[in-house]
Amino acid sequence: MISKVVGPKYVAIAKSWMPTLAVWGTAGGVALVHFTDWRLILEYVPYISGKFKDDE
């Protein structure tokens, strides 16, 4: 459906950029976790969340 609106040339260009966008998106996500409050984000990851439990 999108190829009818955009055109086959631009769909082919977008498909060729998908791996690059995936790598940059992953790197951006890792950078976001690294530079923000990473414990706040990683407490929602099931395996890692047990490491941050407070004994109160």
N, C-alpha and C. Protein backbone atom coordinates (compact mmCIF):
# COMPACT_ATOMS: atom_id res chain seq x y z
N MET A 1 0.82 -1.19 0.00
CA MET A 1 0.00 0.00 0.00
C MET A 1 0.86 1.25 0.00
N ILE A 2 1.93 1.23 0.76
CA ILE A 2 2.80 2.40 0.82
C ILE A 2 3.51 2.60 -0.52
N SER A 3 3.83 1.51 -1.20
CA SER A 3 4.53 1.64 -2.47
C SER A 3 3.67 2.33 -3.53
N LYS A 4 2.36 2.26 -3.41
CA LYS A 4 1.49 2.97 -4.34
C LYS A 4 1.52 4.47 -4.10
N VAL A 5 1.72 4.88 -2.87
CA VAL A 5 1.75 6.30 -2.53
C VAL A 5 3.13 6.89 -2.76
N VAL A 6 4.16 6.19 -2.33
CA VAL A 6 5.51 6.72 -2.37
C VAL A 6 6.20 6.41 -3.68
N GLY A 7 6.07 5.23 -4.15
CA GLY A 7 6.74 4.83 -5.38
C GLY A 7 7.74 3.72 -5.11
N PRO A 8 7.96 2.85 -6.09
CA PRO A 8 8.84 1.70 -5.87
C PRO A 8 10.31 2.08 -5.65
N LYS A 9 10.75 3.19 -6.24
CA LYS A 9 12.14 3.60 -6.06
C LYS A 9 12.43 3.93 -4.60
N TYR A 10 11.52 4.68 -3.97
CA TYR A 10 11.73 5.09 -2.59
C TYR A 10 11.50 3.94 -1.60
N VAL A 11 10.66 3.00 -1.97
CA VAL A 11 10.49 1.81 -1.13
C VAL A 11 11.77 0.99 -1.14
N ALA A 12 12.41 0.87 -2.30
CA ALA A 12 13.68 0.13 -2.38
C ALA A 12 14.78 0.83 -1.58
N ILE A 13 14.80 2.15 -1.63
CA ILE A 13 15.78 2.90 -0.85
C ILE A 13 15.52 2.71 0.64
N ALA A 14 14.27 2.76 1.05
CA ALA A 14 13.94 2.58 2.47
C ALA A 14 14.30 1.18 2.95
N LYS A 15 14.07 0.16 2.11
CA LYS A 15 14.44 -1.21 2.49
C LYS A 15 15.94 -1.36 2.64
N SER A 16 16.72 -0.65 1.82
CA SER A 16 18.17 -0.77 1.94
C SER A 16 18.69 -0.07 3.20
N TRP A 17 17.94 0.90 3.73
CA TRP A 17 18.36 1.61 4.93
C TRP A 17 17.90 0.95 6.22
N MET A 18 17.03 -0.06 6.16
CA MET A 18 16.49 -0.68 7.37
C MET A 18 17.56 -1.26 8.30
N PRO A 19 18.56 -2.00 7.82
CA PRO A 19 19.59 -2.51 8.74
C PRO A 19 20.37 -1.39 9.44
N THR A 20 20.66 -0.33 8.71
CA THR A 20 21.38 0.80 9.29
C THR A 20 20.53 1.47 10.37
N LEU A 21 19.25 1.66 10.09
CA LEU A 21 18.37 2.28 11.07
C LEU A 21 18.20 1.39 12.31
N ALA A 22 18.20 0.10 12.12
CA ALA A 22 18.10 -0.82 13.26
C ALA A 22 19.33 -0.73 14.15
N VAL A 23 20.50 -0.65 13.54
CA VAL A 23 21.74 -0.54 14.32
C VAL A 23 21.79 0.78 15.07
N TRP A 24 21.45 1.88 14.40
CA TRP A 24 21.46 3.19 15.07
C TRP A 24 20.39 3.26 16.15
N GLY A 25 19.25 2.63 15.93
CA GLY A 25 18.21 2.60 16.95
C GLY A 25 18.64 1.83 18.18
N THR A 26 19.30 0.70 17.95
CA THR A 26 19.81 -0.09 19.07
C THR A 26 20.89 0.68 19.83
N ALA A 27 21.78 1.31 19.11
CA ALA A 27 22.84 2.10 19.76
C ALA A 27 22.23 3.27 20.53
N GLY A 28 21.21 3.89 19.98
CA GLY A 28 20.53 4.98 20.69
C GLY A 28 19.84 4.49 21.95
N GLY A 29 19.23 3.32 21.88
CA GLY A 29 18.58 2.76 23.07
C GLY A 29 19.58 2.43 24.16
N VAL A 30 20.70 1.86 23.77
CA VAL A 30 21.76 1.55 24.76
C VAL A 30 22.32 2.84 25.34
N ALA A 31 22.50 3.87 24.52
CA ALA A 31 23.00 5.16 25.02
C ALA A 31 21.99 5.79 25.97
N LEU A 32 20.70 5.67 25.67
CA LEU A 32 19.66 6.20 26.55
C LEU A 32 19.71 5.54 27.92
N VAL A 33 19.83 4.22 27.93
CA VAL A 33 19.92 3.50 29.20
C VAL A 33 21.20 3.86 29.94
N HIS A 34 22.28 4.04 29.21
CA HIS A 34 23.57 4.34 29.84
C HIS A 34 23.59 5.73 30.47
N PHE A 35 23.06 6.72 29.79
CA PHE A 35 23.17 8.10 30.25
C PHE A 35 22.00 8.56 31.11
N THR A 36 20.98 7.75 31.26
CA THR A 36 19.87 8.11 32.14
C THR A 36 19.96 7.26 33.40
N ASP A 37 18.91 7.32 34.18
CA ASP A 37 18.85 6.53 35.40
C ASP A 37 18.63 5.09 35.02
N TRP A 38 19.71 4.35 34.78
CA TRP A 38 19.63 3.01 34.21
C TRP A 38 18.95 2.03 35.15
N ARG A 39 19.01 2.24 36.45
CA ARG A 39 18.31 1.32 37.35
C ARG A 39 16.80 1.46 37.20
N LEU A 40 16.34 2.66 36.95
CA LEU A 40 14.91 2.88 36.74
C LEU A 40 14.42 2.14 35.51
N ILE A 41 15.20 2.14 34.45
CA ILE A 41 14.81 1.47 33.21
C ILE A 41 14.98 -0.03 33.34
N LEU A 42 16.10 -0.47 33.91
CA LEU A 42 16.39 -1.90 33.96
C LEU A 42 15.60 -2.65 35.02
N GLU A 43 14.87 -1.97 35.88
CA GLU A 43 14.05 -2.70 36.84
C GLU A 43 12.85 -3.38 36.17
N TYR A 44 12.56 -3.02 34.92
CA TYR A 44 11.49 -3.67 34.17
C TYR A 44 11.98 -4.87 33.36
N VAL A 45 13.29 -5.12 33.33
CA VAL A 45 13.83 -6.29 32.65
C VAL A 45 13.80 -7.44 33.66
N PRO A 46 13.12 -8.53 33.36
CA PRO A 46 12.87 -9.56 34.37
C PRO A 46 14.13 -10.15 35.02
N TYR A 47 15.13 -10.50 34.26
CA TYR A 47 16.31 -11.15 34.83
C TYR A 47 17.13 -10.19 35.68
N ILE A 48 17.23 -8.96 35.24
CA ILE A 48 18.09 -7.98 35.91
C ILE A 48 17.39 -7.34 37.10
N SER A 49 16.07 -7.30 37.11
CA SER A 49 15.35 -6.56 38.14
C SER A 49 15.59 -7.11 39.54
N GLY A 50 15.91 -8.38 39.69
CA GLY A 50 16.17 -8.94 41.01
C GLY A 50 17.43 -8.42 41.66
N LYS A 51 18.34 -7.87 40.90
CA LYS A 51 19.60 -7.37 41.44
C LYS A 51 19.42 -6.03 42.17
N PHE A 52 18.31 -5.32 41.92
CA PHE A 52 18.14 -3.99 42.47
C PHE A 52 17.09 -3.92 43.58
N LYS A 53 16.75 -5.06 44.15
CA LYS A 53 15.77 -5.06 45.25
C LYS A 53 16.42 -4.51 46.52
N ASP A 54 15.70 -3.60 47.17
CA ASP A 54 16.18 -3.04 48.42
C ASP A 54 15.65 -3.87 49.59
N ASP A 55 16.48 -4.17 50.54
CA ASP A 55 16.07 -4.91 51.74
C ASP A 55 15.64 -3.91 52.80
N GLU A 56 14.38 -3.53 52.75
CA GLU A 56 13.88 -2.54 53.73
C GLU A 56 13.04 -3.18 54.78
